[in-house]
Amino acid sequence: MNTATTGLAAGMALGFAGYFGGFWAFLLVLVLGAAGLIVGLFVQGDLDLRTRRQR
């Protein structure tokens, strides 16, 4: 999957959460999606937390 497809899927998930669950469901999906992105980047090796801590 490329970046545009991933962004489209994330936008659709947020849209469905907002439409069917209201604001709090939208916010929950947004926060959990961001947490999943951070964990995924860390596992993939694209996010190095050691360099962030040294600043």
C-alpha atoms as a PDB file:
ATOM      1  CA  MET A   1       0.000   0.000   0.000  1.00  0.00           C
ATOM      2  CA  ASN A   2       1.306   3.425  -0.815  1.00  0.00           C
ATOM      3  CA  THR A   3       0.947   6.562   1.278  1.00  0.00           C
ATOM      4  CA  ALA A   4      -2.120   7.879  -0.550  1.00  0.00           C
ATOM      5  CA  THR A   5      -4.034   4.620  -0.069  1.00  0.00           C
ATOM      6  CA  THR A   6      -3.111   4.490   3.607  1.00  0.00           C
ATOM      7  CA  GLY A   7      -4.233   8.091   4.065  1.00  0.00           C
ATOM      8  CA  LEU A   8      -7.496   7.355   2.289  1.00  0.00           C
ATOM      9  CA  ALA A   9      -8.175   4.349   4.537  1.00  0.00           C
ATOM     10  CA  ALA A  10      -7.383   6.360   7.668  1.00  0.00           C
ATOM     11  CA  GLY A  11      -9.631   9.207   6.545  1.00  0.00           C
ATOM     12  CA  MET A  12     -12.489   6.835   5.815  1.00  0.00           C
ATOM     13  CA  ALA A  13     -12.105   5.160   9.214  1.00  0.00           C
ATOM     14  CA  LEU A  14     -12.203   8.550  10.940  1.00  0.00           C
ATOM     15  CA  GLY A  15     -15.201   9.568   8.870  1.00  0.00           C
ATOM     16  CA  PHE A  16     -17.135   6.429   9.772  1.00  0.00           C
ATOM     17  CA  ALA A  17     -16.242   6.813  13.444  1.00  0.00           C
ATOM     18  CA  GLY A  18     -17.383  10.422  13.431  1.00  0.00           C
ATOM     19  CA  TYR A  19     -20.608   9.688  11.581  1.00  0.00           C
ATOM     20  CA  PHE A  20     -21.715   6.616  13.510  1.00  0.00           C
ATOM     21  CA  GLY A  21     -20.140   7.214  16.907  1.00  0.00           C
ATOM     22  CA  GLY A  22     -19.970  10.970  17.299  1.00  0.00           C
ATOM     23  CA  PHE A  23     -17.115  13.184  18.377  1.00  0.00           C
ATOM     24  CA  TRP A  24     -15.713  10.945  21.122  1.00  0.00           C
ATOM     25  CA  ALA A  25     -15.505   7.920  18.825  1.00  0.00           C
ATOM     26  CA  PHE A  26     -13.766  10.118  16.238  1.00  0.00           C
ATOM     27  CA  LEU A  27     -11.286  11.295  18.862  1.00  0.00           C
ATOM     28  CA  LEU A  28     -10.665   7.742  20.129  1.00  0.00           C
ATOM     29  CA  VAL A  29      -9.981   6.448  16.607  1.00  0.00           C
ATOM     30  CA  LEU A  30      -7.667   9.402  15.951  1.00  0.00           C
ATOM     31  CA  VAL A  31      -5.629   8.851  19.147  1.00  0.00           C
ATOM     32  CA  LEU A  32      -5.382   5.082  18.705  1.00  0.00           C
ATOM     33  CA  GLY A  33      -4.438   5.527  15.059  1.00  0.00           C
ATOM     34  CA  ALA A  34      -1.626   7.904  16.007  1.00  0.00           C
ATOM     35  CA  ALA A  35      -0.405   5.481  18.673  1.00  0.00           C
ATOM     36  CA  GLY A  36      -0.466   2.642  16.140  1.00  0.00           C
ATOM     37  CA  LEU A  37       1.486   4.756  13.673  1.00  0.00           C
ATOM     38  CA  ILE A  38       4.180   5.509  16.246  1.00  0.00           C
ATOM     39  CA  VAL A  39       4.481   1.856  17.269  1.00  0.00           C
ATOM     40  CA  GLY A  40       4.563   0.759  13.621  1.00  0.00           C
ATOM     41  CA  LEU A  41       7.305   3.243  12.760  1.00  0.00           C
ATOM     42  CA  PHE A  42       9.309   2.140  15.797  1.00  0.00           C
ATOM     43  CA  VAL A  43       9.009  -1.565  14.926  1.00  0.00           C
ATOM     44  CA  GLN A  44       9.847  -0.892  11.280  1.00  0.00           C
ATOM     45  CA  GLY A  45      12.966   1.011  12.329  1.00  0.00           C
ATOM     46  CA  ASP A  46      12.002   4.380  10.867  1.00  0.00           C
ATOM     47  CA  LEU A  47      11.637   5.981  14.306  1.00  0.00           C
ATOM     48  CA  ASP A  48      14.629   6.043  16.626  1.00  0.00           C
ATOM     49  CA  LEU A  49      13.687   7.273  20.089  1.00  0.00           C
ATOM     50  CA  ARG A  50      17.305   7.416  21.282  1.00  0.00           C
ATOM     51  CA  THR A  51      18.094  10.336  18.977  1.00  0.00           C
ATOM     52  CA  ARG A  52      14.997  12.212  20.179  1.00  0.00           C
ATOM     53  CA  ARG A  53      16.018  11.845  23.835  1.00  0.00           C
ATOM     54  CA  GLN A  54      19.496  13.333  23.357  1.00  0.00           C
ATOM     55  CA  ARG A  55      18.178  16.785  22.393  1.00  0.00           C
END
